[in-house]
Amino acid sequence: MPVFPSVEWFDAVREVYNSDDAYRGAGGGICDALVGIKFGDRLFKLVFEGFECSGASEIGESQLEETDFYLDLSPEAWRDMVANIGQNGAADFEHTLNTLDLTLEDGLAHSATGDQYRQDLFFRYNQTFQFFFDASARIETTAGE
């Protein structure tokens, strides 16, 4: 059973997301973005190319600048979102990436380089990223530290 967060967990979600035609073009078409995930001191990078998420890796702080943007939630909020998706089959209204971005004082999506054009990819492809996380409902998950 994959532990969230881990490369193993992101790879399991990628497999579900990439193999289900319902997600193909889910966000309105092709998505090309390098997405950072910040979970406390741990950082991950997801690579979206075309209609798929083509890679997941754990990265160091210096590699965060390679991402177009990164999503920054507290570990508790990440665990709550993933648990909510698992319980409901998809995020409920209070746990969507869009709602979290709107309710957090500093927002959810950030740029490590200050490049607002690259950060805007979060808003442009938001539904694609939401469908990716919603695909985690089909993964039996253990919450990690």
Protein backbone atom coordinates (compact mmCIF):
# COMPACT_ATOMS: atom_id res chain seq x y z
CA MET A 1 0.00 0.00 0.00
CA PRO A 2 1.64 3.28 -1.09
CA VAL A 3 2.37 5.92 1.53
CA PHE A 4 1.32 9.51 0.85
CA PRO A 5 3.47 11.38 0.05
CA SER A 6 6.03 9.27 -1.78
CA VAL A 7 7.19 8.71 -5.34
CA GLU A 8 5.56 5.27 -5.10
CA TRP A 9 2.21 6.92 -4.28
CA PHE A 10 2.48 9.50 -7.07
CA ASP A 11 3.46 6.73 -9.51
CA ALA A 12 0.40 4.67 -8.49
CA VAL A 13 -1.84 7.70 -9.05
CA ARG A 14 -0.11 8.38 -12.40
CA GLU A 15 -0.89 4.83 -13.49
CA VAL A 16 -4.60 5.27 -12.72
CA TYR A 17 -4.72 8.76 -14.23
CA ASN A 18 -2.87 7.79 -17.41
CA SER A 19 -4.80 4.58 -18.01
CA ASP A 20 -8.34 5.98 -17.69
CA ASP A 21 -9.64 7.61 -20.88
CA ALA A 22 -12.10 9.63 -18.77
CA TYR A 23 -9.13 11.78 -17.73
CA ARG A 24 -7.82 12.28 -21.29
CA GLY A 25 -8.06 15.98 -21.96
CA ALA A 26 -9.89 16.34 -18.67
CA GLY A 27 -8.75 19.90 -18.12
CA GLY A 28 -9.77 21.06 -21.57
CA GLY A 29 -6.90 19.63 -23.60
CA ILE A 30 -3.20 19.13 -23.57
CA CYS A 31 -1.35 20.11 -20.39
CA ASP A 32 2.37 20.79 -20.28
CA ALA A 33 3.54 21.75 -16.80
CA LEU A 34 6.17 20.97 -14.19
CA VAL A 35 4.34 20.91 -10.86
CA GLY A 36 6.01 21.04 -7.48
CA ILE A 37 4.38 19.56 -4.41
CA LYS A 38 5.54 20.83 -1.02
CA PHE A 39 4.73 18.62 1.95
CA GLY A 40 6.57 20.03 4.96
CA ASP A 41 10.28 19.64 4.20
CA ARG A 42 9.67 17.13 1.40
CA LEU A 43 9.39 18.24 -2.22
CA PHE A 44 8.14 16.36 -5.25
CA LYS A 45 7.93 17.16 -8.94
CA LEU A 46 5.18 15.96 -11.27
CA VAL A 47 5.68 16.23 -15.03
CA PHE A 48 2.57 16.69 -17.15
CA GLU A 49 3.06 16.24 -20.88
CA GLY A 50 0.20 16.14 -23.34
CA PHE A 51 -2.62 14.07 -21.89
CA GLU A 52 -0.50 12.27 -19.28
CA CYS A 53 1.49 12.71 -16.14
CA SER A 54 4.80 11.33 -17.40
CA GLY A 55 6.90 11.41 -14.26
CA ALA A 56 7.14 11.85 -10.52
CA SER A 57 10.28 12.38 -8.49
CA GLU A 58 11.41 13.60 -5.11
CA ILE A 59 13.50 16.75 -5.47
CA GLY A 60 15.69 19.02 -3.40
CA GLU A 61 15.01 22.65 -2.53
CA SER A 62 17.30 23.91 -5.32
CA GLN A 63 15.28 21.98 -7.93
CA LEU A 64 12.06 23.74 -6.97
CA GLU A 65 13.04 26.54 -9.37
CA GLU A 66 12.69 24.03 -12.24
CA THR A 67 8.96 23.79 -11.60
CA ASP A 68 6.45 26.14 -13.18
CA PHE A 69 4.80 26.46 -9.76
CA TYR A 70 4.49 24.50 -6.57
CA LEU A 71 1.51 23.66 -4.39
CA ASP A 72 2.16 24.42 -0.73
CA LEU A 73 -0.15 23.02 1.94
CA SER A 74 0.56 21.99 5.49
CA PRO A 75 1.05 18.23 5.89
CA GLU A 76 -2.24 18.10 7.81
CA ALA A 77 -4.13 19.83 4.98
CA TRP A 78 -2.57 17.51 2.37
CA ARG A 79 -3.55 14.45 4.42
CA ASP A 80 -7.07 15.84 4.90
CA MET A 81 -7.48 16.46 1.15
CA VAL A 82 -6.25 12.98 0.18
CA ALA A 83 -8.43 11.34 2.86
CA ASN A 84 -11.45 13.33 1.65
CA ILE A 85 -10.84 12.19 -1.93
CA GLY A 86 -10.53 8.59 -0.76
CA GLN A 87 -13.79 8.79 1.17
CA ASN A 88 -15.79 10.51 -1.57
CA GLY A 89 -14.24 9.24 -4.81
CA ALA A 90 -13.26 12.85 -5.63
CA ALA A 91 -12.65 16.02 -3.65
CA ASP A 92 -15.74 17.59 -2.18
CA PHE A 93 -16.21 21.34 -2.65
CA GLU A 94 -14.16 22.26 0.42
CA HIS A 95 -11.18 20.12 -0.64
CA THR A 96 -10.67 21.03 -4.29
CA LEU A 97 -7.41 22.67 -5.31
CA ASN A 98 -9.37 25.70 -6.48
CA THR A 99 -11.22 26.12 -3.17
CA LEU A 100 -8.03 25.62 -1.17
CA ASP A 101 -6.28 28.25 -3.31
CA LEU A 102 -9.10 30.73 -2.72
CA THR A 103 -9.36 30.13 1.03
CA LEU A 104 -5.66 30.21 1.92
CA GLU A 105 -4.40 33.68 2.77
CA ASP A 106 -1.39 33.37 0.45
CA GLY A 107 -3.04 30.95 -1.97
CA LEU A 108 -2.01 27.40 -2.79
CA ALA A 109 0.11 27.89 -5.92
CA HIS A 110 3.46 29.67 -5.64
CA SER A 111 6.38 30.43 -7.91
CA ALA A 112 9.92 29.67 -6.74
CA THR A 113 11.25 32.16 -9.30
CA GLY A 114 8.56 34.85 -9.17
CA ASP A 115 7.54 34.05 -12.77
CA GLN A 116 3.82 34.80 -12.80
CA TYR A 117 3.43 33.51 -16.37
CA ARG A 118 4.61 30.05 -15.31
CA GLN A 119 2.60 30.20 -12.08
CA ASP A 120 -0.51 30.91 -14.17
CA LEU A 121 -0.33 27.33 -15.47
CA PHE A 122 -1.92 26.29 -12.18
CA PHE A 123 -5.03 28.29 -13.04
CA ARG A 124 -5.01 27.34 -16.72
CA TYR A 125 -4.82 23.58 -16.04
CA ASN A 126 -6.40 23.48 -12.59
CA GLN A 127 -9.00 20.87 -13.54
CA THR A 128 -6.33 18.56 -14.95
CA PHE A 129 -4.45 18.68 -11.64
CA GLN A 130 -7.70 18.15 -9.73
CA PHE A 131 -8.51 15.06 -11.79
CA PHE A 132 -4.99 13.78 -11.12
CA PHE A 133 -5.50 14.02 -7.36
CA ASP A 134 -9.06 12.68 -7.66
CA ALA A 135 -7.58 9.58 -9.34
CA SER A 136 -5.97 8.85 -5.96
CA ALA A 137 -9.40 7.69 -4.74
CA ARG A 138 -8.65 4.43 -6.54
CA ILE A 139 -5.36 3.94 -4.65
CA GLU A 140 -5.35 2.40 -1.20
CA THR A 141 -3.30 4.94 0.70
CA THR A 142 -1.47 5.06 4.00
CA ALA A 143 -0.80 8.52 5.42
CA GLY A 144 2.87 9.25 5.97
CA GLU A 145 4.74 11.70 8.10
